[in-house]
């Protein structure tokens, strides 16, 4: 497999992950029963595992690692924040307000991750 094929696989899983998170968040806001469907609980784990595996593959292939490449370090820190906020938004938030705020924060983290990935600059204002 070529580097570019792996990169496209990674980008595809990133879009799928973000889109599914957005849909799940909207279902959470609507108190939808769809959140309880089996595939909705399983698919994010499969997609995110493949996303992470492709990210590791890209890092190894390109010899760019968090701690060495500032933009990858920024993505990793934002990813941890995204995961934390996402769990509060979809599962652990005790109040609706906490869930909504966490959902908005997680979406902001996801947008930041995408912007850093495109620009390769952790200071995306540049």
PDB file of N, CA and C in Angstrom:
ATOM      1  N   UNK A   1       0.849  -1.173   0.000  1.00  0.00           N
ATOM      2  CA  UNK A   1       0.000   0.000   0.000  1.00  0.00           C
ATOM      3  C   UNK A   1       0.896   1.239   0.000  1.00  0.00           C
ATOM      4  N   UNK A   2       0.527   2.233  -0.776  1.00  0.00           N
ATOM      5  CA  UNK A   2       1.313   3.457  -0.842  1.00  0.00           C
ATOM      6  C   UNK A   2       0.966   4.388   0.321  1.00  0.00           C
ATOM      7  N   UNK A   3       1.860   5.350   0.537  1.00  0.00           N
ATOM      8  CA  UNK A   3       1.637   6.359   1.571  1.00  0.00           C
ATOM      9  C   UNK A   3       0.337   7.105   1.293  1.00  0.00           C
ATOM     10  N   UNK A   4       0.108   7.464   0.037  1.00  0.00           N
ATOM     11  CA  UNK A   4      -1.082   8.248  -0.298  1.00  0.00           C
ATOM     12  C   UNK A   4      -2.371   7.445  -0.123  1.00  0.00           C
ATOM     13  N   UNK A   5      -2.318   6.162  -0.381  1.00  0.00           N
ATOM     14  CA  UNK A   5      -3.493   5.318  -0.140  1.00  0.00           C
ATOM     15  C   UNK A   5      -3.802   5.280   1.360  1.00  0.00           C
ATOM     16  N   UNK A   6      -2.767   5.127   2.161  1.00  0.00           N
ATOM     17  CA  UNK A   6      -2.957   5.107   3.612  1.00  0.00           C
ATOM     18  C   UNK A   6      -3.467   6.461   4.115  1.00  0.00           C
ATOM     19  N   UNK A   7      -2.946   7.535   3.524  1.00  0.00           N
ATOM     20  CA  UNK A   7      -3.403   8.869   3.905  1.00  0.00           C
ATOM     21  C   UNK A   7      -4.886   9.046   3.579  1.00  0.00           C
ATOM     22  N   UNK A   8      -5.309   8.562   2.420  1.00  0.00           N
ATOM     23  CA  UNK A   8      -6.727   8.669   2.046  1.00  0.00           C
ATOM     24  C   UNK A   8      -7.612   7.793   2.934  1.00  0.00           C
ATOM     25  N   UNK A   9      -7.118   6.642   3.314  1.00  0.00           N
ATOM     26  CA  UNK A   9      -7.850   5.797   4.254  1.00  0.00           C
ATOM     27  C   UNK A   9      -8.017   6.536   5.580  1.00  0.00           C
ATOM     28  N   UNK A  10      -6.941   7.142   6.052  1.00  0.00           N
ATOM     29  CA  UNK A  10      -6.979   7.901   7.304  1.00  0.00           C
ATOM     30  C   UNK A  10      -7.991   9.049   7.200  1.00  0.00           C
ATOM     31  N   UNK A  11      -7.939   9.776   6.112  1.00  0.00           N
ATOM     32  CA  UNK A  11      -8.867  10.904   5.947  1.00  0.00           C
ATOM     33  C   UNK A  11     -10.315  10.419   5.883  1.00  0.00           C
ATOM     34  N   UNK A  12     -10.542   9.298   5.242  1.00  0.00           N
ATOM     35  CA  UNK A  12     -11.899   8.737   5.156  1.00  0.00           C
ATOM     36  C   UNK A  12     -12.417   8.382   6.540  1.00  0.00           C
ATOM     37  N   UNK A  13     -11.586   7.714   7.340  1.00  0.00           N
ATOM     38  CA  UNK A  13     -12.018   7.357   8.689  1.00  0.00           C
ATOM     39  C   UNK A  13     -12.181   8.589   9.573  1.00  0.00           C
ATOM     40  N   UNK A  14     -11.389   9.631   9.342  1.00  0.00           N
ATOM     41  CA  UNK A  14     -11.551  10.878  10.105  1.00  0.00           C
ATOM     42  C   UNK A  14     -12.906  11.511   9.792  1.00  0.00           C
ATOM     43  N   UNK A  15     -13.272  11.545   8.527  1.00  0.00           N
ATOM     44  CA  UNK A  15     -14.573  12.111   8.139  1.00  0.00           C
ATOM     45  C   UNK A  15     -15.709  11.259   8.703  1.00  0.00           C
ATOM     46  N   UNK A  16     -15.593   9.939   8.596  1.00  0.00           N
ATOM     47  CA  UNK A  16     -16.624   9.049   9.145  1.00  0.00           C
ATOM     48  C   UNK A  16     -16.755   9.226  10.653  1.00  0.00           C
ATOM     49  N   UNK A  17     -15.634   9.311  11.343  1.00  0.00           N
ATOM     50  CA  UNK A  17     -15.650   9.477  12.793  1.00  0.00           C
ATOM     51  C   UNK A  17     -16.328  10.787  13.178  1.00  0.00           C
ATOM     52  N   UNK A  18     -15.927  11.867  12.537  1.00  0.00           N
ATOM     53  CA  UNK A  18     -16.516  13.169  12.837  1.00  0.00           C
ATOM     54  C   UNK A  18     -17.990  13.240  12.499  1.00  0.00           C
ATOM     55  N   UNK A  19     -18.361  12.689  11.350  1.00  0.00           N
ATOM     56  CA  UNK A  19     -19.768  12.719  10.937  1.00  0.00           C
ATOM     57  C   UNK A  19     -20.637  11.903  11.896  1.00  0.00           C
ATOM     58  N   UNK A  20     -20.142  10.736  12.289  1.00  0.00           N
ATOM     59  CA  UNK A  20     -20.919   9.914  13.212  1.00  0.00           C
ATOM     60  C   UNK A  20     -21.009  10.577  14.590  1.00  0.00           C
ATOM     61  N   UNK A  21     -19.946  11.229  15.027  1.00  0.00           N
ATOM     62  CA  UNK A  21     -20.012  11.948  16.297  1.00  0.00           C
ATOM     63  C   UNK A  21     -21.041  13.074  16.221  1.00  0.00           C
ATOM     64  N   UNK A  22     -21.045  13.798  15.115  1.00  0.00           N
ATOM     65  CA  UNK A  22     -22.017  14.878  14.938  1.00  0.00           C
ATOM     66  C   UNK A  22     -23.443  14.337  14.988  1.00  0.00           C
ATOM     67  N   UNK A  23     -23.696  13.253  14.277  1.00  0.00           N
ATOM     68  CA  UNK A  23     -25.042  12.651  14.268  1.00  0.00           C
ATOM     69  C   UNK A  23     -25.420  12.172  15.666  1.00  0.00           C
ATOM     70  N   UNK A  24     -24.492  11.507  16.338  1.00  0.00           N
ATOM     71  CA  UNK A  24     -24.786  11.028  17.695  1.00  0.00           C
ATOM     72  C   UNK A  24     -25.045  12.188  18.644  1.00  0.00           C
ATOM     73  N   UNK A  25     -24.304  13.277  18.473  1.00  0.00           N
ATOM     74  CA  UNK A  25     -24.531  14.454  19.295  1.00  0.00           C
ATOM     75  C   UNK A  25     -25.894  15.080  19.041  1.00  0.00           C
ATOM     76  N   UNK A  26     -26.282  15.132  17.784  1.00  0.00           N
ATOM     77  CA  UNK A  26     -27.610  15.662  17.458  1.00  0.00           C
ATOM     78  C   UNK A  26     -28.701  14.752  18.010  1.00  0.00           C
ATOM     79  N   UNK A  27     -28.499  13.458  17.955  1.00  0.00           N
ATOM     80  CA  UNK A  27     -29.455  12.522  18.553  1.00  0.00           C
ATOM     81  C   UNK A  27     -29.514  12.707  20.057  1.00  0.00           C
ATOM     82  N   UNK A  28     -28.362  12.969  20.676  1.00  0.00           N
ATOM     83  CA  UNK A  28     -28.341  13.223  22.119  1.00  0.00           C
ATOM     84  C   UNK A  28     -29.169  14.464  22.437  1.00  0.00           C
ATOM     85  N   UNK A  29     -28.999  15.510  21.655  1.00  0.00           N
ATOM     86  CA  UNK A  29     -29.754  16.738  21.881  1.00  0.00           C
ATOM     87  C   UNK A  29     -31.256  16.527  21.725  1.00  0.00           C
ATOM     88  N   UNK A  30     -31.621  15.616  20.822  1.00  0.00           N
ATOM     89  CA  UNK A  30     -33.037  15.335  20.561  1.00  0.00           C
ATOM     90  C   UNK A  30     -33.582  14.227  21.461  1.00  0.00           C
ATOM     91  N   UNK A  31     -32.765  13.707  22.365  1.00  0.00           N
ATOM     92  CA  UNK A  31     -33.165  12.565  23.206  1.00  0.00           C
ATOM     93  C   UNK A  31     -33.683  11.406  22.361  1.00  0.00           C
ATOM     94  N   UNK A  32     -32.967  11.112  21.300  1.00  0.00           N
ATOM     95  CA  UNK A  32     -33.401  10.086  20.355  1.00  0.00           C
ATOM     96  C   UNK A  32     -33.098   8.678  20.853  1.00  0.00           C
ATOM     97  N   UNK A  33     -33.986   7.782  20.539  1.00  0.00           N
ATOM     98  CA  UNK A  33     -33.785   6.370  20.879  1.00  0.00           C
ATOM     99  C   UNK A  33     -32.738   5.724  19.971  1.00  0.00           C
ATOM    100  N   UNK A  34     -32.374   6.399  18.878  1.00  0.00           N
ATOM    101  CA  UNK A  34     -31.370   5.856  17.960  1.00  0.00           C
ATOM    102  C   UNK A  34     -30.019   5.639  18.645  1.00  0.00           C
ATOM    103  N   UNK A  35     -29.741   6.405  19.672  1.00  0.00           N
ATOM    104  CA  UNK A  35     -28.472   6.249  20.375  1.00  0.00           C
ATOM    105  C   UNK A  35     -28.328   4.870  21.019  1.00  0.00           C
ATOM    106  N   UNK A  36     -29.441   4.201  21.248  1.00  0.00           N
ATOM    107  CA  UNK A  36     -29.407   2.896  21.903  1.00  0.00           C
ATOM    108  C   UNK A  36     -29.252   1.732  20.936  1.00  0.00           C
ATOM    109  N   UNK A  37     -29.263   2.017  19.641  1.00  0.00           N
ATOM    110  CA  UNK A  37     -29.125   0.933  18.673  1.00  0.00           C
ATOM    111  C   UNK A  37     -27.727   0.328  18.753  1.00  0.00           C
ATOM    112  N   UNK A  38     -27.673  -0.961  18.559  1.00  0.00           N
ATOM    113  CA  UNK A  38     -26.416  -1.700  18.699  1.00  0.00           C
ATOM    114  C   UNK A  38     -25.331  -1.158  17.769  1.00  0.00           C
ATOM    115  N   UNK A  39     -25.649  -0.934  16.508  1.00  0.00           N
ATOM    116  CA  UNK A  39     -24.636  -0.488  15.553  1.00  0.00           C
ATOM    117  C   UNK A  39     -24.095   0.893  15.929  1.00  0.00           C
ATOM    118  N   UNK A  40     -24.926   1.721  16.551  1.00  0.00           N
ATOM    119  CA  UNK A  40     -24.501   3.065  16.957  1.00  0.00           C
ATOM    120  C   UNK A  40     -23.500   2.987  18.110  1.00  0.00           C
ATOM    121  N   UNK A  41     -23.606   1.965  18.920  1.00  0.00           N
ATOM    122  CA  UNK A  41     -22.665   1.782  20.020  1.00  0.00           C
ATOM    123  C   UNK A  41     -21.372   1.100  19.566  1.00  0.00           C
ATOM    124  N   UNK A  42     -21.428   0.308  18.484  1.00  0.00           N
ATOM    125  CA  UNK A  42     -20.261  -0.453  18.038  1.00  0.00           C
ATOM    126  C   UNK A  42     -19.461   0.273  16.953  1.00  0.00           C
ATOM    127  N   UNK A  43     -20.128   0.870  15.985  1.00  0.00           N
ATOM    128  CA  UNK A  43     -19.458   1.483  14.833  1.00  0.00           C
ATOM    129  C   UNK A  43     -18.388   2.505  15.215  1.00  0.00           C
ATOM    130  N   UNK A  44     -18.633   3.387  16.190  1.00  0.00           N
ATOM    131  CA  UNK A  44     -17.578   4.357  16.521  1.00  0.00           C
ATOM    132  C   UNK A  44     -16.273   3.704  16.975  1.00  0.00           C
ATOM    133  N   UNK A  45     -16.370   2.598  17.689  1.00  0.00           N
ATOM    134  CA  UNK A  45     -15.162   1.916  18.149  1.00  0.00           C
ATOM    135  C   UNK A  45     -14.387   1.316  16.976  1.00  0.00           C
ATOM    136  N   UNK A  46     -15.097   0.747  16.028  1.00  0.00           N
ATOM    137  CA  UNK A  46     -14.449   0.163  14.849  1.00  0.00           C
ATOM    138  C   UNK A  46     -13.801   1.263  14.012  1.00  0.00           C
ATOM    139  N   UNK A  47     -14.563   2.316  13.738  1.00  0.00           N
ATOM    140  CA  UNK A  47     -14.050   3.420  12.922  1.00  0.00           C
ATOM    141  C   UNK A  47     -12.855   4.076  13.595  1.00  0.00           C
ATOM    142  N   UNK A  48     -12.959   4.364  14.877  1.00  0.00           N
ATOM    143  CA  UNK A  48     -11.872   5.056  15.577  1.00  0.00           C
ATOM    144  C   UNK A  48     -10.627   4.187  15.724  1.00  0.00           C
ATOM    145  N   UNK A  49     -10.803   2.882  15.847  1.00  0.00           N
ATOM    146  CA  UNK A  49      -9.652   1.975  15.889  1.00  0.00           C
ATOM    147  C   UNK A  49      -8.918   1.991  14.555  1.00  0.00           C
ATOM    148  N   UNK A  50      -9.669   1.952  13.463  1.00  0.00           N
ATOM    149  CA  UNK A  50      -9.045   1.999  12.135  1.00  0.00           C
ATOM    150  C   UNK A  50      -8.423   3.368  11.873  1.00  0.00           C
ATOM    151  N   UNK A  51      -9.041   4.415  12.373  1.00  0.00           N
ATOM    152  CA  UNK A  51      -8.486   5.766  12.257  1.00  0.00           C
ATOM    153  C   UNK A  51      -7.143   5.846  12.996  1.00  0.00           C
ATOM    154  N   UNK A  52      -7.106   5.336  14.219  1.00  0.00           N
ATOM    155  CA  UNK A  52      -5.871   5.349  14.996  1.00  0.00           C
ATOM    156  C   UNK A  52      -4.786   4.485  14.345  1.00  0.00           C
ATOM    157  N   UNK A  53      -5.164   3.314  13.864  1.00  0.00           N
ATOM    158  CA  UNK A  53      -4.190   2.429  13.210  1.00  0.00           C
ATOM    159  C   UNK A  53      -3.601   3.103  11.970  1.00  0.00           C
ATOM    160  N   UNK A  54      -4.431   3.763  11.192  1.00  0.00           N
ATOM    161  CA  UNK A  54      -3.909   4.437  10.001  1.00  0.00           C
ATOM    162  C   UNK A  54      -3.040   5.631  10.398  1.00  0.00           C
ATOM    163  N   UNK A  55      -3.367   6.311  11.491  1.00  0.00           N
ATOM    164  CA  UNK A  55      -2.542   7.424  11.965  1.00  0.00           C
ATOM    165  C   UNK A  55      -1.161   6.930  12.395  1.00  0.00           C
ATOM    166  N   UNK A  56      -1.136   5.829  13.101  1.00  0.00           N
ATOM    167  CA  UNK A  56       0.149   5.256  13.516  1.00  0.00           C
ATOM    168  C   UNK A  56       0.950   4.832  12.290  1.00  0.00           C
ATOM    169  N   UNK A  57       0.276   4.215  11.336  1.00  0.00           N
ATOM    170  CA  UNK A  57       0.949   3.832  10.092  1.00  0.00           C
ATOM    171  C   UNK A  57       1.545   5.019   9.359  1.00  0.00           C
ATOM    172  N   UNK A  58       0.804   6.120   9.296  1.00  0.00           N
ATOM    173  CA  UNK A  58       1.314   7.326   8.643  1.00  0.00           C
ATOM    174  C   UNK A  58       2.506   7.916   9.391  1.00  0.00           C
ATOM    175  N   UNK A  59       2.432   7.917  10.712  1.00  0.00           N
ATOM    176  CA  UNK A  59       3.535   8.455  11.509  1.00  0.00           C
ATOM    177  C   UNK A  59       4.805   7.642  11.296  1.00  0.00           C
ATOM    178  N   UNK A  60       4.660   6.321  11.305  1.00  0.00           N
ATOM    179  CA  UNK A  60       5.822   5.454  11.100  1.00  0.00           C
ATOM    180  C   UNK A  60       6.363   5.624   9.689  1.00  0.00           C
ATOM    181  N   UNK A  61       5.466   5.623   8.717  1.00  0.00           N
ATOM    182  CA  UNK A  61       5.888   5.724   7.315  1.00  0.00           C
ATOM    183  C   UNK A  61       6.630   7.033   7.045  1.00  0.00           C
ATOM    184  N   UNK A  62       6.128   8.125   7.631  1.00  0.00           N
ATOM    185  CA  UNK A  62       6.713   9.441   7.358  1.00  0.00           C
ATOM    186  C   UNK A  62       7.816   9.815   8.356  1.00  0.00           C
ATOM    187  N   UNK A  63       8.014   8.991   9.371  1.00  0.00           N
ATOM    188  CA  UNK A  63       8.994   9.262  10.436  1.00  0.00           C
ATOM    189  C   UNK A  63       8.735  10.597  11.132  1.00  0.00           C
ATOM    190  N   UNK A  64       7.462  10.925  11.284  1.00  0.00           N
ATOM    191  CA  UNK A  64       7.061  12.121  12.026  1.00  0.00           C
ATOM    192  C   UNK A  64       6.265  11.643  13.233  1.00  0.00           C
ATOM    193  N   UNK A  65       6.718  12.060  14.419  1.00  0.00           N
ATOM    194  CA  UNK A  65       6.107  11.557  15.637  1.00  0.00           C
ATOM    195  C   UNK A  65       5.708  12.712  16.558  1.00  0.00           C
ATOM    196  N   UNK A  66       4.656  12.517  17.367  1.00  0.00           N
ATOM    197  CA  UNK A  66       4.336  13.539  18.376  1.00  0.00           C
ATOM    198  C   UNK A  66       5.544  13.756  19.277  1.00  0.00           C
ATOM    199  N   UNK A  67       5.790  14.990  19.631  1.00  0.00           N
ATOM    200  CA  UNK A  67       6.973  15.329  20.409  1.00  0.00           C
ATOM    201  C   UNK A  67       8.101  15.780  19.514  1.00  0.00           C
ATOM    202  N   UNK A  68       8.129  15.242  18.308  1.00  0.00           N
ATOM    203  CA  UNK A  68       9.146  15.624  17.326  1.00  0.00           C
ATOM    204  C   UNK A  68       8.564  16.646  16.354  1.00  0.00           C
ATOM    205  N   UNK A  69       7.343  16.406  15.903  1.00  0.00           N
ATOM    206  CA  UNK A  69       6.662  17.303  14.976  1.00  0.00           C
ATOM    207  C   UNK A  69       5.595  18.075  15.770  1.00  0.00           C
ATOM    208  N   UNK A  70       5.753  19.385  15.930  1.00  0.00           N
ATOM    209  CA  UNK A  70       4.815  20.161  16.753  1.00  0.00           C
ATOM    210  C   UNK A  70       3.360  20.032  16.311  1.00  0.00           C
ATOM    211  N   UNK A  71       3.115  19.927  15.024  1.00  0.00           N
ATOM    212  CA  UNK A  71       1.736  19.829  14.561  1.00  0.00           C
ATOM    213  C   UNK A  71       1.114  18.496  14.971  1.00  0.00           C
ATOM    214  N   UNK A  72       1.899  17.426  15.005  1.00  0.00           N
ATOM    215  CA  UNK A  72       1.371  16.132  15.463  1.00  0.00           C
ATOM    216  C   UNK A  72       1.143  16.141  16.972  1.00  0.00           C
ATOM    217  N   UNK A  73       2.014  16.815  17.700  1.00  0.00           N
ATOM    218  CA  UNK A  73       1.820  16.945  19.139  1.00  0.00           C
ATOM    219  C   UNK A  73       0.518  17.687  19.424  1.00  0.00           C
ATOM    220  N   UNK A  74       0.277  18.771  18.676  1.00  0.00           N
ATOM    221  CA  UNK A  74      -0.955  19.550  18.853  1.00  0.00           C
ATOM    222  C   UNK A  74      -2.181  18.703  18.537  1.00  0.00           C
ATOM    223  N   UNK A  75      -2.097  17.903  17.475  1.00  0.00           N
ATOM    224  CA  UNK A  75      -3.224  17.018  17.126  1.00  0.00           C
ATOM    225  C   UNK A  75      -3.475  15.999  18.231  1.00  0.00           C
ATOM    226  N   UNK A  76      -2.429  15.443  18.795  1.00  0.00           N
ATOM    227  CA  UNK A  76      -2.586  14.438  19.837  1.00  0.00           C
ATOM    228  C   UNK A  76      -3.209  15.044  21.100  1.00  0.00           C
ATOM    229  N   UNK A  77      -2.757  16.229  21.490  1.00  0.00           N
ATOM    230  CA  UNK A  77      -3.330  16.898  22.663  1.00  0.00           C
ATOM    231  C   UNK A  77      -4.797  17.223  22.408  1.00  0.00           C
ATOM    232  N   UNK A  78      -5.100  17.731  21.216  1.00  0.00           N
ATOM    233  CA  UNK A  78      -6.491  18.051  20.872  1.00  0.00           C
ATOM    234  C   UNK A  78      -7.337  16.780  20.805  1.00  0.00           C
ATOM    235  N   UNK A  79      -6.745  15.673  20.370  1.00  0.00           N
ATOM    236  CA  UNK A  79      -7.476  14.406  20.313  1.00  0.00           C
ATOM    237  C   UNK A  79      -7.875  13.948  21.708  1.00  0.00           C
ATOM    238  N   UNK A  80      -6.962  14.077  22.665  1.00  0.00           N
ATOM    239  CA  UNK A  80      -7.279  13.695  24.045  1.00  0.00           C
ATOM    240  C   UNK A  80      -8.424  14.568  24.572  1.00  0.00           C
ATOM    241  N   UNK A  81      -8.372  15.874  24.288  1.00  0.00           N
ATOM    242  CA  UNK A  81      -9.452  16.779  24.714  1.00  0.00           C
ATOM    243  C   UNK A  81     -10.765  16.410  24.022  1.00  0.00           C
ATOM    244  N   UNK A  82     -10.699  16.088  22.741  1.00  0.00           N
ATOM    245  CA  UNK A  82     -11.880  15.696  21.971  1.00  0.00           C
ATOM    246  C   UNK A  82     -12.528  14.440  22.559  1.00  0.00           C
ATOM    247  N   UNK A  83     -11.717  13.462  22.890  1.00  0.00           N
ATOM    248  CA  UNK A  83     -12.240  12.221  23.469  1.00  0.00           C
ATOM    249  C   UNK A  83     -12.883  12.501  24.826  1.00  0.00           C
ATOM    250  N   UNK A  84     -12.201  13.274  25.656  1.00  0.00           N
ATOM    251  CA  UNK A  84     -12.750  13.601  26.966  1.00  0.00           C
ATOM    252  C   UNK A  84     -14.064  14.351  26.868  1.00  0.00           C
ATOM    253  N   UNK A  85     -14.093  15.381  26.050  1.00  0.00           N
ATOM    254  CA  UNK A  85     -15.320  16.150  25.876  1.00  0.00           C
ATOM    255  C   UNK A  85     -16.421  15.311  25.232  1.00  0.00           C
ATOM    256  N   UNK A  86     -16.036  14.457  24.295  1.00  0.00           N
ATOM    257  CA  UNK A  86     -17.023  13.592  23.636  1.00  0.00           C
ATOM    258  C   UNK A  86     -17.685  12.630  24.595  1.00  0.00           C
ATOM    259  N   UNK A  87     -16.918  12.086  25.531  1.00  0.00           N
ATOM    260  CA  UNK A  87     -17.530  11.168  26.502  1.00  0.00           C
ATOM    261  C   UNK A  87     -18.461  11.908  27.449  1.00  0.00           C
ATOM    262  N   UNK A  88     -18.110  13.141  27.795  1.00  0.00           N
ATOM    263  CA  UNK A  88     -19.016  13.940  28.622  1.00  0.00           C
ATOM    264  C   UNK A  88     -20.288  14.249  27.839  1.00  0.00           C
ATOM    265  N   UNK A  89     -20.129  14.610  26.577  1.00  0.00           N
ATOM    266  CA  UNK A  89     -21.284  14.972  25.750  1.00  0.00           C
ATOM    267  C   UNK A  89     -22.238  13.804  25.543  1.00  0.00           C
ATOM    268  N   UNK A  90     -21.708  12.621  25.296  1.00  0.00           N
ATOM    269  CA  UNK A  90     -22.568  11.500  24.911  1.00  0.00           C
ATOM    270  C   UNK A  90     -22.908  10.545  26.055  1.00  0.00           C
ATOM    271  N   UNK A  91     -22.126  10.557  27.136  1.00  0.00           N
ATOM    272  CA  UNK A  91     -22.370   9.567  28.182  1.00  0.00           C
ATOM    273  C   UNK A  91     -22.316  10.129  29.595  1.00  0.00           C
ATOM    274  N   UNK A  92     -21.284  10.860  29.906  1.00  0.00           N
ATOM    275  CA  UNK A  92     -20.996  11.170  31.298  1.00  0.00           C
ATOM    276  C   UNK A  92     -21.531  12.513  31.794  1.00  0.00           C
ATOM    277  N   UNK A  93     -22.044  13.335  30.899  1.00  0.00           N
ATOM    278  CA  UNK A  93     -22.573  14.632  31.319  1.00  0.00           C
ATOM    279  C   UNK A  93     -23.793  14.466  32.209  1.00  0.00           C
ATOM    280  N   UNK A  94     -23.776  15.075  33.374  1.00  0.00           N
ATOM    281  CA  UNK A  94     -24.869  14.892  34.334  1.00  0.00           C
ATOM    282  C   UNK A  94     -26.081  15.746  34.009  1.00  0.00           C
ATOM    283  N   UNK A  95     -25.836  16.879  33.373  1.00  0.00           N
ATOM    284  CA  UNK A  95     -26.952  17.751  33.008  1.00  0.00           C
ATOM    285  C   UNK A  95     -26.950  17.975  31.505  1.00  0.00           C
ATOM    286  N   UNK A  96     -28.095  18.402  31.003  1.00  0.00           N
ATOM    287  CA  UNK A  96     -28.193  18.693  29.572  1.00  0.00           C
ATOM    288  C   UNK A  96     -27.228  19.814  29.193  1.00  0.00           C
ATOM    289  N   UNK A  97     -27.127  20.830  30.052  1.00  0.00           N
ATOM    290  CA  UNK A  97     -26.232  21.945  29.775  1.00  0.00           C
ATOM    291  C   UNK A  97     -24.780  21.471  29.675  1.00  0.00           C
ATOM    292  N   UNK A  98     -24.366  20.595  30.573  1.00  0.00           N
ATOM    293  CA  UNK A  98     -22.999  20.062  30.540  1.00  0.00           C
ATOM    294  C   UNK A  98     -22.771  19.285  29.254  1.00  0.00           C
ATOM    295  N   UNK A  99     -23.762  18.511  28.846  1.00  0.00           N
ATOM    296  CA  UNK A  99     -23.625  17.732  27.616  1.00  0.00           C
ATOM    297  C   UNK A  99     -23.529  18.633  26.391  1.00  0.00           C
ATOM    298  N   UNK A 100     -24.354  19.668  26.351  1.00  0.00           N
ATOM    299  CA  UNK A 100     -24.333  20.591  25.212  1.00  0.00           C
ATOM    300  C   UNK A 100     -22.993  21.317  25.133  1.00  0.00           C
ATOM    301  N   UNK A 101     -22.522  21.829  26.271  1.00  0.00           N
ATOM    302  CA  UNK A 101     -21.241  22.531  26.282  1.00  0.00           C
ATOM    303  C   UNK A 101     -20.093  21.604  25.873  1.00  0.00           C
ATOM    304  N   UNK A 102     -20.115  20.386  26.363  1.00  0.00           N
ATOM    305  CA  UNK A 102     -19.083  19.413  26.002  1.00  0.00           C
ATOM    306  C   UNK A 102     -19.170  19.057  24.517  1.00  0.00           C
ATOM    307  N   UNK A 103     -20.376  18.951  23.993  1.00  0.00           N
ATOM    308  CA  UNK A 103     -20.561  18.644  22.571  1.00  0.00           C
ATOM    309  C   UNK A 103     -19.964  19.760  21.710  1.00  0.00           C
ATOM    310  N   UNK A 104     -20.263  20.990  22.048  1.00  0.00           N
ATOM    311  CA  UNK A 104     -19.721  22.132  21.296  1.00  0.00           C
ATOM    312  C   UNK A 104     -18.195  22.165  21.417  1.00  0.00           C
ATOM    313  N   UNK A 105     -17.685  21.920  22.604  1.00  0.00           N
ATOM    314  CA  UNK A 105     -16.238  21.881  22.800  1.00  0.00           C
ATOM    315  C   UNK A 105     -15.574  20.771  22.006  1.00  0.00           C
ATOM    316  N   UNK A 106     -16.204  19.597  21.978  1.00  0.00           N
ATOM    317  CA  UNK A 106     -15.654  18.478  21.213  1.00  0.00           C
ATOM    318  C   UNK A 106     -15.647  18.795  19.724  1.00  0.00           C
ATOM    319  N   UNK A 107     -16.713  19.419  19.227  1.00  0.00           N
ATOM    320  CA  UNK A 107     -16.745  19.809  17.812  1.00  0.00           C
ATOM    321  C   UNK A 107     -15.650  20.828  17.499  1.00  0.00           C
ATOM    322  N   UNK A 108     -15.399  21.750  18.424  1.00  0.00           N
ATOM    323  CA  UNK A 108     -14.324  22.722  18.237  1.00  0.00           C
ATOM    324  C   UNK A 108     -12.965  22.024  18.197  1.00  0.00           C
ATOM    325  N   UNK A 109     -12.768  21.047  19.060  1.00  0.00           N
ATOM    326  CA  UNK A 109     -11.520  20.269  19.047  1.00  0.00           C
ATOM    327  C   UNK A 109     -11.357  19.533  17.726  1.00  0.00           C
ATOM    328  N   UNK A 110     -12.436  18.929  17.248  1.00  0.00           N
ATOM    329  CA  UNK A 110     -12.383  18.199  15.981  1.00  0.00           C
ATOM    330  C   UNK A 110     -12.023  19.153  14.844  1.00  0.00           C
ATOM    331  N   UNK A 111     -12.629  20.336  14.822  1.00  0.00           N
ATOM    332  CA  UNK A 111     -12.326  21.325  13.780  1.00  0.00           C
ATOM    333  C   UNK A 111     -10.858  21.752  13.858  1.00  0.00           C
ATOM    334  N   UNK A 112     -10.349  21.921  15.068  1.00  0.00           N
ATOM    335  CA  UNK A 112      -8.945  22.287  15.250  1.00  0.00           C
ATOM    336  C   UNK A 112      -8.037  21.172  14.714  1.00  0.00           C
ATOM    337  N   UNK A 113      -8.362  19.937  15.036  1.00  0.00           N
ATOM    338  CA  UNK A 113      -7.565  18.796  14.557  1.00  0.00           C
ATOM    339  C   UNK A 113      -7.521  18.789  13.034  1.00  0.00           C
ATOM    340  N   UNK A 114      -8.663  18.994  12.397  1.00  0.00           N
ATOM    341  CA  UNK A 114      -8.705  19.027  10.932  1.00  0.00           C
ATOM    342  C   UNK A 114      -7.872  20.181  10.378  1.00  0.00           C
ATOM    343  N   UNK A 115      -8.000  21.353  10.995  1.00  0.00           N
ATOM    344  CA  UNK A 115      -7.249  22.516  10.519  1.00  0.00           C
ATOM    345  C   UNK A 115      -5.745  22.297  10.645  1.00  0.00           C
ATOM    346  N   UNK A 116      -5.318  21.724  11.753  1.00  0.00           N
ATOM    347  CA  UNK A 116      -3.891  21.441  11.943  1.00  0.00           C
ATOM    348  C   UNK A 116      -3.425  20.395  10.943  1.00  0.00           C
ATOM    349  N   UNK A 117      -4.256  19.404  10.662  1.00  0.00           N
ATOM    350  CA  UNK A 117      -3.892  18.367   9.696  1.00  0.00           C
ATOM    351  C   UNK A 117      -3.701  18.972   8.303  1.00  0.00           C
ATOM    352  N   UNK A 118      -4.527  19.916   7.944  1.00  0.00           N
ATOM    353  CA  UNK A 118      -4.448  20.529   6.613  1.00  0.00           C
ATOM    354  C   UNK A 118      -3.248  21.479   6.527  1.00  0.00           C
ATOM    355  N   UNK A 119      -3.056  22.301   7.566  1.00  0.00           N
ATOM    356  CA  UNK A 119      -2.014  23.331   7.513  1.00  0.00           C
ATOM    357  C   UNK A 119      -0.648  22.859   8.001  1.00  0.00           C
ATOM    358  N   UNK A 120      -0.622  21.766   8.763  1.00  0.00           N
ATOM    359  CA  UNK A 120       0.599  21.278   9.426  1.00  0.00           C
ATOM    360  C   UNK A 120       1.187  22.360  10.334  1.00  0.00           C
ATOM    361  N   UNK A 121       0.274  23.166  10.897  1.00  0.00           N
ATOM    362  CA  UNK A 121       0.668  24.286  11.750  1.00  0.00           C
ATOM    363  C   UNK A 121      -0.224  24.274  12.990  1.00  0.00           C
ATOM    364  N   UNK A 122       0.361  24.107  14.185  1.00  0.00           N
ATOM    365  CA  UNK A 122      -0.478  24.093  15.394  1.00  0.00           C
ATOM    366  C   UNK A 122      -1.070  25.457  15.720  1.00  0.00           C
ATOM    367  N   UNK A 123      -0.526  26.516  15.149  1.00  0.00           N
ATOM    368  CA  UNK A 123      -1.057  27.868  15.319  1.00  0.00           C
ATOM    369  C   UNK A 123      -1.844  28.214  14.064  1.00  0.00           C
ATOM    370  N   UNK A 124      -3.036  27.664  13.969  1.00  0.00           N
ATOM    371  CA  UNK A 124      -3.789  27.696  12.707  1.00  0.00           C
ATOM    372  C   UNK A 124      -4.181  29.080  12.242  1.00  0.00           C
ATOM    373  N   UNK A 125      -3.952  30.108  13.046  1.00  0.00           N
ATOM    374  CA  UNK A 125      -4.291  31.464  12.631  1.00  0.00           C
ATOM    375  C   UNK A 125      -3.348  31.943  11.526  1.00  0.00           C
ATOM    376  N   UNK A 126      -2.224  31.273  11.370  1.00  0.00           N
ATOM    377  CA  UNK A 126      -1.228  31.700  10.364  1.00  0.00           C
ATOM    378  C   UNK A 126      -1.659  31.352   8.955  1.00  0.00           C
TER     379      UNK A 126
END
